[in-house]
Structures are given as structure tokens and as C-alpha cells.
Amino acid sequence: MIKQCLLMFVFLVAISGNTAWSAAIGVEQAVKNVKKQYSGKVLKAEKIKSKGPKVFKVKLLLPGGRVKNVFVDGATGQVFEP
């Protein structure tokens, strides 16, 4: 019984760890997601240092010369504005 519980525990830990890593995106994917929604040139992209969830800040130069900052959720890849 103890052996079965231990195996189940190891299995659950392995599954939860894999899910967390597969859901996370990097800065390159964040930039790709932004380019799908906005036209313009990416000036800068970086991970924001915070104690909360991973978020990327992407600075764009839009047509017409306006600069715009958008953000990307590091877990889902969703692009959002402040």
C-alpha cells in the first residue's frame, strides 16, 4: 500500500511539473504573439521582474511614429494593454 501511494505521488508530481513547463512561453514567443496583433516594429522585449506571474513587456514603434507598450502573459501567451 505504501509503495502504491509513493508511486502515485511521484506520478502526480511529474505531471504537474510537466504541465507548468509546457504552458510557459519565452520572450521570442511573446514577440511573435504581439506581431500577430499589431503592425509596426518591435523596439524592445523583456521579462518584467516581479514577484507575481511571468509577464513580458514589448515596446513597439507603430506606423505614424507612435510608441506603444503592450504586455504578454508568460503562462498563456495572451497579449494585453495596461
Protein backbone atom coordinates (compact mmCIF):
# COMPACT_ATOMS: atom_id res chain seq x y z
CA MET A 1 0.00 0.00 0.00
CA ILE A 2 2.78 2.44 0.88
CA LYS A 3 4.58 1.61 -2.36
CA GLN A 4 1.42 2.35 -4.39
CA CYS A 5 0.93 5.69 -2.60
CA LEU A 6 4.55 6.62 -3.23
CA LEU A 7 4.25 5.76 -6.92
CA MET A 8 1.05 7.80 -7.21
CA PHE A 9 2.76 10.77 -5.51
CA VAL A 10 5.74 10.62 -7.88
CA PHE A 11 3.39 10.36 -10.87
CA LEU A 12 1.36 13.40 -9.77
CA VAL A 13 4.47 15.48 -9.16
CA ALA A 14 5.82 14.55 -12.59
CA ILE A 15 2.56 15.50 -14.30
CA SER A 16 2.20 18.84 -12.52
CA GLY A 17 5.82 19.76 -13.27
CA ASN A 18 5.47 18.99 -16.98
CA THR A 19 2.26 20.98 -17.26
CA ALA A 20 3.83 24.08 -15.74
CA TRP A 21 6.82 23.99 -18.06
CA SER A 22 4.84 23.33 -21.22
CA ALA A 23 2.47 26.23 -20.57
CA ALA A 24 5.24 28.81 -20.14
CA ILE A 25 6.44 30.85 -23.11
CA GLY A 26 9.69 32.67 -23.75
CA VAL A 27 10.41 36.17 -24.98
CA GLU A 28 10.60 35.01 -28.61
CA GLN A 29 7.08 33.58 -28.49
CA ALA A 30 5.85 36.72 -26.71
CA VAL A 31 7.17 38.85 -29.60
CA LYS A 32 5.51 36.55 -32.16
CA ASN A 33 2.17 36.86 -30.35
CA VAL A 34 2.45 40.67 -30.34
CA LYS A 35 3.33 40.77 -34.06
CA LYS A 36 0.14 38.81 -34.82
CA GLN A 37 -1.96 41.58 -33.27
CA TYR A 38 -0.01 44.77 -34.03
CA SER A 39 1.75 46.13 -37.08
CA GLY A 40 4.96 48.02 -36.50
CA LYS A 41 8.50 47.40 -35.38
CA VAL A 42 9.44 45.77 -32.08
CA LEU A 43 11.91 48.07 -30.35
CA LYS A 44 12.45 46.10 -27.16
CA ALA A 45 11.12 42.98 -25.44
CA GLU A 46 11.95 41.91 -21.91
CA LYS A 47 10.70 39.91 -18.98
CA ILE A 48 9.39 42.15 -16.23
CA LYS A 49 10.96 41.48 -12.85
CA SER A 50 8.17 40.85 -10.38
CA LYS A 51 7.19 38.54 -7.57
CA GLY A 52 3.97 37.62 -9.40
CA PRO A 53 3.41 35.65 -12.58
CA LYS A 54 5.84 35.94 -15.50
CA VAL A 55 4.98 38.88 -17.78
CA PHE A 56 6.81 40.27 -20.81
CA LYS A 57 6.83 43.94 -21.83
CA VAL A 58 7.09 44.61 -25.56
CA LYS A 59 7.77 48.13 -26.86
CA LEU A 60 6.50 48.81 -30.38
CA LEU A 61 7.04 51.59 -32.90
CA LEU A 62 3.69 51.86 -34.66
CA PRO A 63 3.10 53.23 -38.16
CA GLY A 64 2.93 57.00 -37.82
CA GLY A 65 5.76 57.11 -35.28
CA ARG A 66 3.83 56.42 -32.07
CA VAL A 67 5.47 54.21 -29.43
CA LYS A 68 3.25 51.73 -27.61
CA ASN A 69 3.93 49.30 -24.76
CA VAL A 70 1.99 46.05 -24.60
CA PHE A 71 2.32 43.11 -22.25
CA VAL A 72 2.22 39.33 -22.69
CA ASP A 73 1.19 36.81 -20.06
CA GLY A 74 4.12 34.40 -19.73
CA ALA A 75 1.89 31.43 -18.92
CA THR A 76 -0.80 31.79 -21.57
CA GLY A 77 0.79 33.98 -24.25
CA GLN A 78 -2.17 36.38 -24.14
CA VAL A 79 -1.35 39.95 -25.24
CA PHE A 80 -2.85 42.77 -23.18
CA GLU A 81 -2.53 46.52 -22.69
CA PRO A 82 -2.10 48.34 -19.37
